[in-house]
Amino acid sequence: MGFAKGERGWAQLAARHLKAELKRADVTYEELAEKLKEHGFAETKASISNKLARATVPASFFLACLAALELDGVRLEDL
């Protein structure tokens, strides 16, 4: 299995994974922003879009998104 090289590569994998999970769950960025409020995040549709487009996804945001989407976790093979 080939893992990402460097911080930028991992960030891109995290962003792509979140985009795929959002699509799979049929959740919009606006809906995700609402769900993230329950986890203490003050995000907007635009801030989520920017994070994912730029692949600037902090671990706390990534984990909160997984919780907001009610996912059990992520396997490295799925990234």
Protein backbone atom coordinates (compact mmCIF):
# COMPACT_ATOMS: atom_id res chain seq x y z
CA MET A 1 0.00 0.00 0.00
CA GLY A 2 1.40 3.39 -0.93
CA PHE A 3 0.86 6.10 1.65
CA ALA A 4 1.14 9.81 1.02
CA LYS A 5 4.49 11.52 1.15
CA GLY A 6 4.74 14.52 3.42
CA GLU A 7 2.23 16.72 5.15
CA ARG A 8 0.72 18.10 1.94
CA GLY A 9 0.04 14.61 0.59
CA TRP A 10 -1.72 13.57 3.80
CA ALA A 11 -3.78 16.76 3.79
CA GLN A 12 -4.88 16.08 0.23
CA LEU A 13 -5.88 12.52 1.16
CA ALA A 14 -7.92 13.80 4.12
CA ALA A 15 -9.70 16.41 1.99
CA ARG A 16 -10.49 13.90 -0.77
CA HIS A 17 -11.77 11.41 1.78
CA LEU A 18 -14.08 13.98 3.37
CA LYS A 19 -15.41 15.05 -0.02
CA ALA A 20 -16.15 11.43 -0.91
CA GLU A 21 -17.88 10.77 2.42
CA LEU A 22 -20.00 13.90 2.04
CA LYS A 23 -21.05 12.80 -1.43
CA ARG A 24 -21.76 9.27 -0.23
CA ALA A 25 -23.91 10.62 2.62
CA ASP A 26 -25.57 13.17 0.31
CA VAL A 27 -24.63 15.98 2.74
CA THR A 28 -23.92 19.49 1.47
CA TYR A 29 -21.30 21.82 2.90
CA GLU A 30 -24.11 23.91 4.37
CA GLU A 31 -25.61 20.85 6.08
CA LEU A 32 -22.18 19.83 7.35
CA ALA A 33 -21.71 23.31 8.85
CA GLU A 34 -24.96 22.84 10.79
CA LYS A 35 -23.92 19.39 11.98
CA LEU A 36 -20.50 20.68 13.07
CA LYS A 37 -22.16 23.23 15.39
CA GLU A 38 -23.16 20.29 17.59
CA HIS A 39 -19.45 19.50 17.92
CA GLY A 40 -18.41 23.05 18.81
CA PHE A 41 -17.27 24.21 15.37
CA ALA A 42 -18.40 27.55 13.91
CA GLU A 43 -17.98 26.73 10.24
CA THR A 44 -19.76 28.10 7.20
CA LYS A 45 -20.38 26.65 3.78
CA ALA A 46 -17.57 28.88 2.47
CA SER A 47 -15.06 27.95 5.18
CA ILE A 48 -15.65 24.24 4.60
CA SER A 49 -15.37 24.69 0.85
CA ASN A 50 -12.08 26.58 1.28
CA LYS A 51 -10.61 23.98 3.65
CA LEU A 52 -11.42 21.14 1.29
CA ALA A 53 -10.39 22.97 -1.89
CA ARG A 54 -7.05 24.01 -0.42
CA ALA A 55 -6.59 20.73 1.47
CA THR A 56 -6.03 22.63 4.72
CA VAL A 57 -7.79 20.13 6.95
CA PRO A 58 -6.71 20.16 10.60
CA ALA A 59 -7.01 16.83 12.41
CA SER A 60 -9.63 18.30 14.77
CA PHE A 61 -11.80 19.35 11.81
CA PHE A 62 -11.34 15.97 10.11
CA LEU A 63 -12.37 14.08 13.24
CA ALA A 64 -15.33 16.39 13.91
CA CYS A 65 -16.52 15.82 10.34
CA LEU A 66 -16.34 12.06 10.84
CA ALA A 67 -18.40 12.46 14.03
CA ALA A 68 -20.87 14.83 12.34
CA LEU A 69 -21.36 12.33 9.53
CA GLU A 70 -21.77 9.59 12.15
CA LEU A 71 -18.96 7.52 10.69
CA ASP A 72 -17.34 4.85 12.83
CA GLY A 73 -13.86 5.71 11.66
CA VAL A 74 -11.55 5.54 8.72
CA ARG A 75 -9.17 2.85 7.54
CA LEU A 76 -5.91 4.03 6.06
CA GLU A 77 -6.54 1.75 3.09
CA ASP A 78 -9.68 3.79 2.33
CA LEU A 79 -7.80 7.07 2.00
